[in-house]
Amino acid sequence: MKNTCHFLSFMLCLVLSQSLVKGATIQPIERTVGKLKITIDPRMELLAVIHTLSTNMDLADRVVPYSKEIASYFDSFSSHEAVKLTESLHQKYNFNSDAPVAFMLHLSQPMELEPTAKYSNYITGRSSGSDNLEQYRKAMKQFAEASGFEAFWNSKIPFYNQILDMTIANMGEIDLVEAMEDYFNETQDFYNIIITPAFRGGKGGFVTGNDGKDRFSTTISTTQIKDGIPYLSADNIRFYIWHEYGHFFVNPLGNKYAERVKSTDSLFEPIKKGMYGQGYRYWYTCVNEHIIRATTVRLYDLRLGSPQSKGLLDSELKRRFIYIEPLVEKLKDFDRQRDENNVTFSAFYPELLNVLDSLQKIEYWKQFNMSFQGPFSTVMAERMSVIYPTRDSDAEALKVAQDYALQVANMLPPGMATLLADTTALQTDLSECGIFTLGTIESNLFLKQYASTLPFKVENQTMYADKEYTDVNLKFVTCVPNPHNPQNGMLIFTALSNKAIQDIFNPSLLSSYNDYILFLNNETIISRGVYKNKENKWTF
């Protein structure tokens, strides 16, 4: 009997190993919390691998340890056709941001990667046709097979499980989906968050199922690291769920009332520059964003209290969502009507458009100071100048900063960035640009020229910011107004040594609402915050 058991065990292992060799579909790792499904998805991890190997910096966060592990593991495939197509689609058609994510959501899991739904007009439009998508799909499938992606995925399963476990442990006691559905007085049947530890920011995509229903999934990058394990903090997962799934309730109404939305588009011009850098290039998108952010402020107020909602409202105003406050006030009427008369958000939505009508008539924007106010994300503009240093007695350190400035310029979308030497920048009108400056204050002559106007200073190898710092490995990133035009912004990447400039452009850290951050690496944040701004004088 004992020998029979051993034989059966051996045969079972043999069958399982053979099925794995034949390339059985890799399955996502999932957890369910109420109606919310939280996932690590092999499709997104494959996309992250390919983007990490490419020169396209739109999705991948190459600074986090996991991304460096990806780069090392798959380094020999950096010239693969899938990587080249990633770069080509980005450069030729601006196929980036949410478009690749939405594309992957239309495919089955690796190693099959077969279409499971008809590509949306949005995806085919962003890629200039389904033929390009099909070519890309086949290349990605071939990459997965040739590179050993399945073995990599299997080796990381314990890591992925730790990410999910730590995220769920930090979610808090509020049922986030239930709170959102209670607020809108409407329901959806599908809430799927895909955590993407090698991505940066949040992206989403709709897939129309065979039943004709649209289902929305959102990818969210991790925001914290503990003991080498990245995860989502309670604050971030709460904001992302209430914001990203707010789109599911709000966006269809924007489409339904498209003509009314369009009739208020004179409100766009005063905030256009600030919106552009955040990826909101059209008025209908800005309307959706204003309304979603207003509903999130109300959710914060009702579920977390006034200090939390006030802090969020102030942050949104800084980011140029200047019409949000009247919308928040109007939503208080919705709260009463919902509770007293069971009114749904969809039924109330036209009242919010009435608010925009009234703001347009009184030229509401004129009461705002339109000078740059921060945070980091609002520096981005249609045109960016990346300024590198030219003066450092340590030639090796100077080359580090110069090479990295070139990398930063290449991270930006095609045609957006102009790379300038500091000496050239001093002779150039940069009033219509957003600015990235890299290097120490002494080595970057553009920074040195305007050093007296900055809220920090550097003297005798000491940085004076919120306090004194002397660590040569310290990295300091801050945003201030463009010295050529205070309505635009300037992002400064600096340190006490140009050697520390390497890897200073850290998207996962810069995605916050901060004006400055001092850090050594992802896991060692020394200080971060928002400047005091009184009469356009910025101080800690």
Protein backbone atom coordinates (compact mmCIF):
# COMPACT_ATOMS: atom_id res chain seq x y z
CA MET A 1 0.00 0.00 0.00
CA LYS A 2 2.86 2.34 0.89
CA ASN A 3 4.56 1.71 -2.47
CA THR A 4 1.27 2.30 -4.28
CA CYS A 5 0.91 5.72 -2.57
CA HIS A 6 4.44 6.66 -3.60
CA PHE A 7 3.71 5.61 -7.18
CA LEU A 8 0.48 7.62 -7.30
CA SER A 9 2.22 10.67 -5.87
CA PHE A 10 4.95 10.33 -8.48
CA MET A 11 2.42 10.07 -11.33
CA LEU A 12 0.51 13.11 -10.03
CA CYS A 13 3.68 15.21 -9.93
CA LEU A 14 4.59 14.01 -13.43
CA VAL A 15 1.19 15.02 -14.82
CA LEU A 16 1.35 18.43 -13.12
CA SER A 17 4.87 19.09 -14.39
CA GLN A 18 3.89 18.14 -17.92
CA SER A 19 0.92 20.52 -17.83
CA LEU A 20 3.23 23.32 -16.71
CA VAL A 21 5.72 22.56 -19.45
CA LYS A 22 2.94 22.84 -22.02
CA GLY A 23 2.42 26.44 -20.94
CA ALA A 24 -0.79 26.39 -18.95
CA THR A 25 -2.29 29.85 -18.60
CA ILE A 26 -0.84 31.75 -15.66
CA GLN A 27 -3.52 32.80 -13.21
CA PRO A 28 -3.80 36.13 -11.39
CA ILE A 29 -3.31 36.21 -7.65
CA GLU A 30 -6.46 37.56 -6.05
CA ARG A 31 -8.02 38.64 -2.79
CA THR A 32 -11.64 39.67 -2.26
CA VAL A 33 -12.75 42.28 0.26
CA GLY A 34 -16.52 42.70 0.06
CA LYS A 35 -17.30 43.55 -3.58
CA LEU A 36 -13.73 44.63 -4.22
CA LYS A 37 -11.31 42.28 -5.95
CA ILE A 38 -7.63 43.11 -5.47
CA THR A 39 -5.29 41.43 -7.94
CA ILE A 40 -1.75 41.01 -9.15
CA ASP A 41 -2.30 40.35 -12.85
CA PRO A 42 0.22 38.49 -15.07
CA ARG A 43 -0.82 40.59 -18.09
CA MET A 44 0.19 43.79 -16.32
CA GLU A 45 3.41 42.28 -15.04
CA LEU A 46 4.33 41.25 -18.59
CA LEU A 47 3.54 44.77 -19.77
CA ALA A 48 5.66 46.16 -16.92
CA VAL A 49 8.59 43.95 -17.94
CA ILE A 50 8.47 45.13 -21.56
CA HIS A 51 8.07 48.79 -20.60
CA THR A 52 10.92 48.53 -18.09
CA LEU A 53 13.21 47.32 -20.89
CA SER A 54 12.07 50.06 -23.27
CA THR A 55 13.10 53.72 -23.40
CA ASN A 56 9.48 54.72 -22.82
CA MET A 57 9.18 55.99 -19.23
CA ASP A 58 5.44 56.59 -19.27
CA LEU A 59 4.41 53.48 -17.32
CA ALA A 60 7.43 51.85 -15.74
CA ASP A 61 8.98 53.05 -12.50
CA ARG A 62 12.59 51.96 -12.98
CA VAL A 63 13.74 53.15 -9.58
CA VAL A 64 11.96 50.64 -7.35
CA PRO A 65 13.98 47.51 -6.42
CA TYR A 66 11.48 45.20 -8.14
CA SER A 67 11.96 47.04 -11.44
CA LYS A 68 15.72 46.73 -11.15
CA GLU A 69 15.24 43.01 -10.61
CA ILE A 70 13.11 42.88 -13.77
CA ALA A 71 15.76 44.76 -15.74
CA SER A 72 18.47 42.35 -14.60
CA TYR A 73 16.42 39.19 -15.22
CA PHE A 74 15.27 40.16 -18.73
CA ASP A 75 18.28 42.23 -19.82
CA SER A 76 19.18 39.95 -22.74
CA PHE A 77 15.74 40.62 -24.29
CA SER A 78 15.97 44.43 -24.30
CA SER A 79 16.21 44.42 -28.11
CA HIS A 80 13.23 42.10 -28.61
CA GLU A 81 10.59 43.05 -31.16
CA ALA A 82 8.02 43.63 -28.39
CA VAL A 83 10.29 46.24 -26.79
CA LYS A 84 10.91 47.95 -30.13
CA LEU A 85 7.18 48.05 -30.87
CA THR A 86 6.51 49.54 -27.43
CA GLU A 87 8.86 52.39 -28.28
CA SER A 88 7.56 52.75 -31.83
CA LEU A 89 3.88 52.87 -30.85
CA HIS A 90 4.72 55.46 -28.20
CA GLN A 91 6.74 57.66 -30.52
CA LYS A 92 4.52 57.44 -33.60
CA TYR A 93 1.04 57.36 -32.11
CA ASN A 94 1.42 58.40 -28.44
CA PHE A 95 0.26 54.90 -27.45
CA ASN A 96 1.01 55.33 -23.75
CA SER A 97 -0.57 56.03 -20.36
CA ASP A 98 -3.89 54.15 -20.06
CA ALA A 99 -3.91 52.86 -23.66
CA PRO A 100 -1.49 49.90 -23.18
CA VAL A 101 -3.28 49.00 -19.94
CA ALA A 102 -6.69 49.00 -21.64
CA PHE A 103 -5.20 46.93 -24.48
CA MET A 104 -3.94 44.25 -22.09
CA LEU A 105 -7.35 44.06 -20.43
CA HIS A 106 -8.75 42.89 -23.78
CA LEU A 107 -6.41 39.86 -23.84
CA SER A 108 -6.36 36.53 -22.05
CA GLN A 109 -3.59 35.75 -19.60
CA PRO A 110 -0.08 34.74 -20.58
CA MET A 111 0.98 32.50 -22.08
CA GLU A 112 -1.99 32.60 -24.49
CA LEU A 113 -2.56 36.37 -24.83
CA GLU A 114 -5.52 35.86 -27.15
CA PRO A 115 -8.15 38.60 -27.68
CA THR A 116 -11.12 38.07 -25.36
CA ALA A 117 -13.16 41.12 -26.39
CA LYS A 118 -13.40 43.40 -29.38
CA TYR A 119 -10.91 46.26 -29.16
CA SER A 120 -12.62 49.53 -28.34
CA ASN A 121 -12.54 52.48 -30.72
CA TYR A 122 -10.46 54.29 -28.11
CA ILE A 123 -7.68 51.68 -28.21
CA THR A 124 -7.63 51.31 -31.99
CA GLY A 125 -7.63 55.09 -32.32
CA ARG A 126 -4.69 55.46 -29.95
CA SER A 127 -2.69 52.82 -31.86
CA SER A 128 -3.71 53.87 -35.39
CA GLY A 129 -5.53 50.64 -36.12
CA SER A 130 -6.16 47.05 -35.09
CA ASP A 131 -3.33 45.80 -37.35
CA ASN A 132 -0.80 47.52 -35.12
CA LEU A 133 -2.44 46.02 -32.05
CA GLU A 134 -2.34 42.54 -33.55
CA GLN A 135 1.33 42.90 -34.42
CA TYR A 136 2.03 44.09 -30.87
CA ARG A 137 0.02 41.26 -29.32
CA LYS A 138 1.92 38.61 -31.27
CA ALA A 139 5.26 40.18 -30.36
CA MET A 140 4.34 40.25 -26.68
CA LYS A 141 3.28 36.62 -26.77
CA GLN A 142 6.54 35.65 -28.43
CA PHE A 143 8.46 37.71 -25.84
CA ALA A 144 6.70 35.89 -23.00
CA GLU A 145 7.59 32.51 -24.50
CA ALA A 146 11.19 33.32 -25.39
CA SER A 147 12.14 35.21 -22.23
CA GLY A 148 10.94 32.71 -19.66
CA PHE A 149 8.29 35.05 -18.29
CA GLU A 150 6.31 32.13 -16.83
CA ALA A 151 9.29 31.03 -14.74
CA PHE A 152 9.81 34.59 -13.55
CA TRP A 153 6.14 34.93 -12.59
CA ASN A 154 6.19 31.65 -10.68
CA SER A 155 9.35 32.66 -8.82
CA LYS A 156 7.69 35.91 -7.67
CA ILE A 157 4.39 34.42 -6.42
CA PRO A 158 5.42 34.64 -2.73
CA PHE A 159 6.41 38.29 -3.30
CA TYR A 160 3.07 39.08 -4.96
CA ASN A 161 1.18 37.41 -2.11
CA GLN A 162 3.06 39.57 0.39
CA ILE A 163 2.08 42.72 -1.54
CA LEU A 164 -1.59 41.80 -1.38
CA ASP A 165 -1.46 40.75 2.26
CA MET A 166 0.25 43.97 3.36
CA THR A 167 -2.13 46.12 1.33
CA ILE A 168 -5.23 44.46 2.78
CA ALA A 169 -3.79 44.66 6.29
CA ASN A 170 -3.51 48.44 5.81
CA MET A 171 -6.95 49.06 4.31
CA GLY A 172 -8.68 50.08 7.52
CA GLU A 173 -12.21 49.35 8.67
CA ILE A 174 -14.27 51.28 6.09
CA ASP A 175 -15.86 49.17 3.35
CA LEU A 176 -14.72 51.47 0.55
CA VAL A 177 -17.03 50.14 -2.15
CA GLU A 178 -20.07 50.15 0.11
CA ALA A 179 -19.30 53.73 1.18
CA MET A 180 -19.05 54.84 -2.46
CA GLU A 181 -22.24 53.09 -3.56
CA ASP A 182 -24.10 54.53 -0.58
CA TYR A 183 -22.91 57.97 -1.57
CA PHE A 184 -23.92 57.78 -5.25
CA ASN A 185 -27.05 55.81 -4.35
CA GLU A 186 -26.22 53.53 -7.26
CA THR A 187 -24.38 50.23 -7.66
CA GLN A 188 -22.02 48.49 -10.01
CA ASP A 189 -21.36 44.76 -10.18
CA PHE A 190 -17.60 44.83 -10.84
CA TYR A 191 -14.78 46.44 -8.86
CA ASN A 192 -11.32 45.24 -9.75
CA ILE A 193 -8.08 46.85 -8.61
CA ILE A 194 -4.85 45.55 -10.12
CA ILE A 195 -1.79 46.40 -8.05
CA THR A 196 1.22 47.04 -10.30
CA PRO A 197 4.46 47.27 -8.25
CA ALA A 198 6.57 48.20 -11.30
CA PHE A 199 4.19 50.87 -12.67
CA ARG A 200 3.76 54.41 -11.48
CA GLY A 201 0.45 56.11 -10.81
CA GLY A 202 -3.01 54.82 -11.60
CA LYS A 203 -4.41 53.85 -14.98
CA GLY A 204 -7.77 52.37 -15.95
CA GLY A 205 -9.59 50.77 -18.81
CA PHE A 206 -13.06 49.64 -19.87
CA VAL A 207 -13.81 46.27 -21.45
CA THR A 208 -17.21 45.51 -22.96
CA GLY A 209 -18.19 41.94 -22.12
CA ASN A 210 -20.28 39.52 -24.18
CA ASP A 211 -23.30 40.66 -22.18
CA GLY A 212 -22.81 44.20 -23.49
CA LYS A 213 -21.85 45.60 -20.09
CA ASP A 214 -18.80 47.81 -19.63
CA ARG A 215 -16.45 46.67 -16.88
CA PHE A 216 -13.78 48.97 -15.54
CA SER A 217 -10.49 47.83 -14.04
CA THR A 218 -7.85 50.12 -12.63
CA THR A 219 -4.14 49.58 -12.11
CA ILE A 220 -2.55 51.20 -9.08
CA SER A 221 1.15 51.41 -8.29
CA THR A 222 2.36 50.69 -4.79
CA THR A 223 3.05 53.71 -2.59
CA GLN A 224 4.98 52.39 0.43
CA ILE A 225 7.80 49.91 1.05
CA LYS A 226 8.35 47.98 4.26
CA ASP A 227 11.02 45.32 4.71
CA GLY A 228 11.50 45.28 0.95
CA ILE A 229 7.81 44.65 0.21
CA PRO A 230 5.90 47.39 -1.65
CA TYR A 231 2.23 47.91 -0.81
CA LEU A 232 -0.61 50.42 -0.92
CA SER A 233 -1.20 52.51 2.17
CA ALA A 234 -4.72 53.01 3.55
CA ASP A 235 -4.79 56.65 2.43
CA ASN A 236 -3.79 55.84 -1.12
CA ILE A 237 -6.03 52.84 -1.69
CA ARG A 238 -8.98 54.79 -0.28
CA PHE A 239 -8.35 57.77 -2.54
CA TYR A 240 -7.74 55.59 -5.62
CA ILE A 241 -10.90 53.54 -5.16
CA TRP A 242 -13.13 56.54 -4.53
CA HIS A 243 -11.53 58.49 -7.36
CA GLU A 244 -10.95 55.86 -10.04
CA TYR A 245 -14.29 54.11 -9.60
CA GLY A 246 -15.93 57.51 -9.44
CA HIS A 247 -15.25 57.54 -13.18
CA PHE A 248 -17.66 54.63 -13.57
CA PHE A 249 -20.48 56.69 -12.10
CA VAL A 250 -19.54 60.08 -13.59
CA ASN A 251 -18.08 59.54 -17.08
CA PRO A 252 -21.22 58.04 -18.68
CA LEU A 253 -23.19 61.09 -17.52
CA GLY A 254 -20.64 63.39 -19.14
CA ASN A 255 -21.25 61.54 -22.39
CA LYS A 256 -25.02 61.68 -21.95
CA TYR A 257 -24.96 65.46 -21.42
CA ALA A 258 -22.07 66.13 -23.81
CA GLU A 259 -23.64 69.22 -25.41
CA ARG A 260 -24.29 70.85 -22.05
CA VAL A 261 -20.72 70.10 -20.96
CA LYS A 262 -19.38 71.63 -24.17
CA SER A 263 -21.45 74.79 -23.63
CA THR A 264 -19.34 75.61 -20.54
CA ASP A 265 -15.95 75.26 -22.22
CA SER A 266 -14.94 78.90 -21.72
CA LEU A 267 -14.09 77.75 -18.18
CA PHE A 268 -11.23 75.68 -19.62
CA GLU A 269 -8.91 78.38 -20.95
CA PRO A 270 -7.94 79.90 -17.56
CA ILE A 271 -6.84 76.51 -16.19
CA LYS A 272 -5.62 74.92 -19.40
CA LYS A 273 -1.89 75.12 -18.61
CA GLY A 274 -2.28 73.55 -15.18
CA MET A 275 -4.53 70.81 -16.52
CA TYR A 276 -2.26 69.92 -19.42
CA GLY A 277 0.59 68.88 -17.18
CA GLN A 278 -1.70 66.52 -15.29
CA GLY A 279 -2.86 64.82 -18.49
CA TYR A 280 -6.23 66.57 -18.82
CA ARG A 281 -6.14 68.15 -22.25
CA TYR A 282 -9.85 68.49 -22.98
CA TRP A 283 -12.66 70.30 -21.22
CA TYR A 284 -14.96 67.27 -20.98
CA THR A 285 -12.15 65.42 -19.18
CA CYS A 286 -11.70 68.35 -16.80
CA VAL A 287 -15.44 68.39 -16.06
CA ASN A 288 -15.33 64.70 -15.16
CA GLU A 289 -12.28 65.27 -12.99
CA HIS A 290 -13.79 68.25 -11.17
CA ILE A 291 -16.98 66.36 -10.38
CA ILE A 292 -15.20 63.16 -9.32
CA ARG A 293 -12.84 65.11 -7.08
CA ALA A 294 -15.79 66.98 -5.59
CA THR A 295 -17.58 63.71 -4.77
CA THR A 296 -14.36 62.40 -3.21
CA VAL A 297 -14.13 65.49 -1.00
CA ARG A 298 -17.71 64.83 0.17
CA LEU A 299 -16.91 61.17 0.86
CA TYR A 300 -13.90 62.26 2.91
CA ASP A 301 -16.09 64.67 4.87
CA LEU A 302 -18.81 62.12 5.57
CA ARG A 303 -16.53 59.15 6.30
CA LEU A 304 -13.32 60.68 7.66
CA GLY A 305 -14.26 64.11 8.96
CA SER A 306 -13.80 67.78 8.09
CA PRO A 307 -10.01 68.06 8.59
CA GLN A 308 -9.42 65.29 6.04
CA SER A 309 -11.88 66.72 3.51
CA LYS A 310 -10.53 70.25 3.96
CA GLY A 311 -7.00 69.02 3.34
CA LEU A 312 -8.09 67.23 0.17
CA LEU A 313 -10.04 70.26 -1.05
CA ASP A 314 -7.05 72.55 -0.51
CA SER A 315 -4.83 70.11 -2.42
CA GLU A 316 -7.23 70.05 -5.37
CA LEU A 317 -7.40 73.84 -5.46
CA LYS A 318 -3.59 73.96 -5.57
CA ARG A 319 -3.70 71.66 -8.58
CA ARG A 320 -5.88 74.19 -10.44
CA PHE A 321 -9.24 72.46 -9.96
CA ILE A 322 -10.55 75.92 -9.17
CA TYR A 323 -14.23 75.11 -9.82
CA ILE A 324 -14.34 72.34 -7.25
CA GLU A 325 -15.54 74.35 -4.22
CA PRO A 326 -18.92 75.42 -5.69
CA LEU A 327 -19.44 71.83 -6.84
CA VAL A 328 -18.72 70.54 -3.35
CA GLU A 329 -21.26 72.98 -1.93
CA LYS A 330 -23.87 71.86 -4.48
CA LEU A 331 -23.25 68.23 -3.59
CA LYS A 332 -24.43 68.99 -0.08
CA ASP A 333 -27.85 69.54 -1.68
CA PHE A 334 -27.50 66.13 -3.29
CA ASP A 335 -26.68 64.59 0.09
CA ARG A 336 -29.93 65.94 1.52
CA GLN A 337 -32.03 64.90 -1.47
CA ARG A 338 -30.50 61.44 -1.50
CA ASP A 339 -31.17 60.88 2.19
CA GLU A 340 -34.66 62.41 2.20
CA ASN A 341 -36.03 61.41 -1.21
CA ASN A 342 -33.76 58.57 -2.39
CA VAL A 343 -32.44 60.71 -5.30
CA THR A 344 -29.66 59.06 -7.31
CA PHE A 345 -26.50 60.80 -8.45
CA SER A 346 -27.51 60.29 -12.09
CA ALA A 347 -30.76 62.17 -11.49
CA PHE A 348 -28.94 65.00 -9.70
CA TYR A 349 -26.06 65.37 -12.21
CA PRO A 350 -27.67 68.16 -14.32
CA GLU A 351 -27.67 70.35 -11.20
CA LEU A 352 -23.88 70.20 -11.22
CA LEU A 353 -23.82 71.39 -14.82
CA ASN A 354 -26.03 74.29 -13.73
CA VAL A 355 -23.26 75.24 -11.31
CA LEU A 356 -20.74 75.34 -14.16
CA ASP A 357 -23.16 77.48 -16.19
CA SER A 358 -23.34 80.02 -13.39
CA LEU A 359 -19.54 80.06 -12.89
CA GLN A 360 -19.09 80.77 -16.58
CA LYS A 361 -21.49 83.71 -16.48
CA ILE A 362 -19.76 85.42 -13.56
CA GLU A 363 -16.22 84.66 -14.87
CA TYR A 364 -15.47 82.89 -11.63
CA TRP A 365 -11.80 82.28 -12.50
CA LYS A 366 -10.93 85.98 -12.17
CA GLN A 367 -10.87 85.75 -8.37
CA PHE A 368 -7.94 83.32 -8.42
CA ASN A 369 -4.22 83.98 -8.45
CA MET A 370 -3.13 81.95 -11.45
CA SER A 371 0.55 81.90 -10.52
CA PHE A 372 2.14 78.49 -10.11
CA GLN A 373 1.29 77.03 -6.70
CA GLY A 374 2.70 73.48 -6.93
CA PRO A 375 2.63 70.53 -6.38
CA PHE A 376 5.11 68.47 -8.41
CA SER A 377 2.65 67.19 -11.00
CA THR A 378 1.57 70.65 -12.13
CA VAL A 379 5.03 71.55 -13.47
CA MET A 380 4.42 69.51 -16.61
CA ALA A 381 3.51 71.63 -19.62
CA GLU A 382 3.06 71.24 -23.36
CA ARG A 383 6.70 72.24 -23.78
CA MET A 384 9.41 71.28 -21.29
CA SER A 385 13.02 72.44 -21.03
CA VAL A 386 15.46 70.07 -19.32
CA ILE A 387 18.55 71.98 -18.14
CA TYR A 388 21.80 70.18 -17.32
CA PRO A 389 24.91 71.48 -15.47
CA THR A 390 28.22 72.30 -17.12
CA ARG A 391 30.53 73.32 -14.23
CA ASP A 392 31.96 70.83 -11.72
CA SER A 393 35.60 70.20 -10.82
CA ASP A 394 34.68 66.51 -10.48
CA ALA A 395 34.32 65.53 -14.15
CA GLU A 396 32.98 62.07 -13.32
CA ALA A 397 30.24 63.50 -11.11
CA LEU A 398 29.35 66.08 -13.75
CA LYS A 399 28.95 63.36 -16.38
CA VAL A 400 26.58 61.47 -14.05
CA ALA A 401 24.31 64.52 -13.87
CA GLN A 402 24.56 65.27 -17.59
CA ASP A 403 23.82 61.68 -18.62
CA TYR A 404 20.89 61.54 -16.26
CA ALA A 405 19.47 64.80 -17.62
CA LEU A 406 19.45 63.17 -21.06
CA GLN A 407 17.58 60.18 -19.60
CA VAL A 408 14.99 62.49 -18.06
CA ALA A 409 14.49 64.27 -21.39
CA ASN A 410 13.96 60.90 -23.07
CA MET A 411 11.39 59.91 -20.43
CA LEU A 412 9.04 62.65 -21.62
CA PRO A 413 6.63 62.16 -24.55
CA PRO A 414 8.07 62.62 -28.04
CA GLY A 415 8.55 66.24 -29.06
CA MET A 416 7.83 67.64 -25.60
CA ALA A 417 11.34 68.12 -24.17
CA THR A 418 14.24 70.33 -25.21
CA LEU A 419 17.59 69.49 -23.61
CA LEU A 420 19.61 72.62 -22.80
CA ALA A 421 23.00 73.33 -21.26
CA ASP A 422 22.74 75.76 -18.36
CA THR A 423 24.74 78.35 -20.33
CA THR A 424 22.26 78.10 -23.22
CA ALA A 425 19.27 78.25 -20.88
CA LEU A 426 20.53 81.54 -19.45
CA GLN A 427 20.33 83.03 -22.94
CA THR A 428 16.92 81.52 -23.81
CA ASP A 429 13.37 82.75 -23.20
CA LEU A 430 11.75 79.95 -21.19
CA SER A 431 8.61 81.84 -20.22
CA GLU A 432 6.27 79.48 -22.09
CA CYS A 433 7.89 76.28 -20.78
CA GLY A 434 7.79 74.09 -17.78
CA ILE A 435 11.35 73.57 -16.56
CA PHE A 436 13.32 70.61 -15.19
CA THR A 437 16.73 71.57 -13.78
CA LEU A 438 19.27 68.97 -12.65
CA GLY A 439 22.52 69.31 -10.74
CA THR A 440 23.98 71.01 -7.72
CA ILE A 441 23.37 74.71 -7.23
CA GLU A 442 27.01 75.55 -7.99
CA SER A 443 27.34 73.28 -11.03
CA ASN A 444 24.08 74.29 -12.74
CA LEU A 445 24.58 77.92 -13.70
CA PHE A 446 20.87 78.42 -14.35
CA LEU A 447 20.10 77.38 -10.77
CA LYS A 448 22.97 79.48 -9.46
CA GLN A 449 21.58 82.53 -11.27
CA TYR A 450 18.27 82.24 -9.39
CA ALA A 451 19.58 80.76 -6.13
CA SER A 452 18.62 83.80 -4.06
CA THR A 453 14.93 83.38 -5.04
CA LEU A 454 14.68 79.76 -3.92
CA PRO A 455 13.15 78.68 -0.57
CA PHE A 456 16.30 76.69 0.26
CA LYS A 457 20.00 77.41 -0.01
CA VAL A 458 23.30 75.54 -0.15
CA GLU A 459 26.50 76.80 1.47
CA ASN A 460 29.71 75.03 2.49
CA GLN A 461 28.38 71.58 1.55
CA THR A 462 25.34 72.10 3.74
CA MET A 463 21.75 72.24 2.50
CA TYR A 464 19.42 74.50 4.44
CA ALA A 465 15.84 73.43 3.85
CA ASP A 466 13.36 72.58 6.63
CA LYS A 467 16.56 71.96 8.61
CA GLU A 468 20.28 71.53 7.89
CA TYR A 469 21.55 68.53 5.88
CA THR A 470 25.12 67.44 5.15
CA ASP A 471 24.71 63.89 3.81
CA VAL A 472 26.34 63.78 0.34
CA ASN A 473 23.90 61.02 -0.66
CA LEU A 474 20.86 63.19 0.03
CA LYS A 475 18.53 63.86 -2.89
CA PHE A 476 16.29 66.93 -2.90
CA VAL A 477 13.43 67.49 -5.34
CA THR A 478 11.32 70.62 -5.17
CA CYS A 479 9.02 72.70 -7.34
CA VAL A 480 8.91 76.50 -7.53
CA PRO A 481 7.59 79.05 -10.05
CA ASN A 482 9.42 79.36 -13.36
CA PRO A 483 11.68 82.42 -12.88
CA HIS A 484 10.81 83.57 -16.43
CA ASN A 485 7.05 83.30 -15.89
CA PRO A 486 5.45 82.67 -12.47
CA GLN A 487 2.37 81.12 -14.09
CA ASN A 488 4.49 78.11 -15.10
CA GLY A 489 6.52 75.83 -12.85
CA MET A 490 10.09 74.65 -12.39
CA LEU A 491 11.07 71.28 -10.92
CA ILE A 492 14.52 71.19 -9.33
CA PHE A 493 16.47 67.94 -8.93
CA THR A 494 19.46 68.75 -6.75
CA ALA A 495 21.89 67.38 -4.19
CA LEU A 496 25.17 68.22 -2.48
CA SER A 497 27.02 66.11 -5.06
CA ASN A 498 26.20 65.50 -8.70
CA LYS A 499 26.84 61.80 -8.12
CA ALA A 500 23.62 61.71 -6.08
CA ILE A 501 21.62 62.96 -9.09
CA GLN A 502 21.54 59.41 -10.47
CA ASP A 503 18.01 57.95 -10.11
CA ILE A 504 16.69 61.17 -8.55
CA PHE A 505 13.71 61.27 -10.94
CA ASN A 506 11.51 58.95 -8.92
CA PRO A 507 7.93 58.93 -10.26
CA SER A 508 6.52 56.97 -7.35
CA LEU A 509 7.66 59.69 -4.95
CA LEU A 510 6.73 62.59 -7.23
CA SER A 511 3.13 61.43 -7.71
CA SER A 512 2.12 62.95 -4.37
CA TYR A 513 0.67 66.38 -3.55
CA ASN A 514 3.99 67.60 -2.14
CA ASP A 515 6.07 70.65 -3.09
CA TYR A 516 9.33 69.14 -1.86
CA ILE A 517 10.85 65.86 -0.78
CA LEU A 518 14.23 64.98 0.71
CA PHE A 519 15.19 61.31 0.47
CA LEU A 520 17.99 58.80 0.09
CA ASN A 521 15.94 56.16 -1.77
CA ASN A 522 12.39 54.81 -1.98
CA GLU A 523 12.50 53.39 1.51
CA THR A 524 14.30 56.28 3.21
CA ILE A 525 12.19 59.43 3.04
CA ILE A 526 13.71 62.09 5.27
CA SER A 527 11.20 64.90 4.85
CA ARG A 528 8.38 65.93 2.55
CA GLY A 529 5.72 68.61 2.56
CA VAL A 530 4.08 71.72 1.17
CA TYR A 531 5.54 75.22 1.28
CA LYS A 532 3.92 78.13 3.03
CA ASN A 533 3.11 80.72 0.41
CA LYS A 534 2.51 84.27 1.58
CA GLU A 535 2.49 87.05 -1.00
CA ASN A 536 4.28 84.70 -3.43
CA LYS A 537 7.16 84.12 -1.01
CA TRP A 538 7.69 80.39 -0.54
CA THR A 539 9.01 79.17 2.83
CA PHE A 540 9.20 75.92 4.79
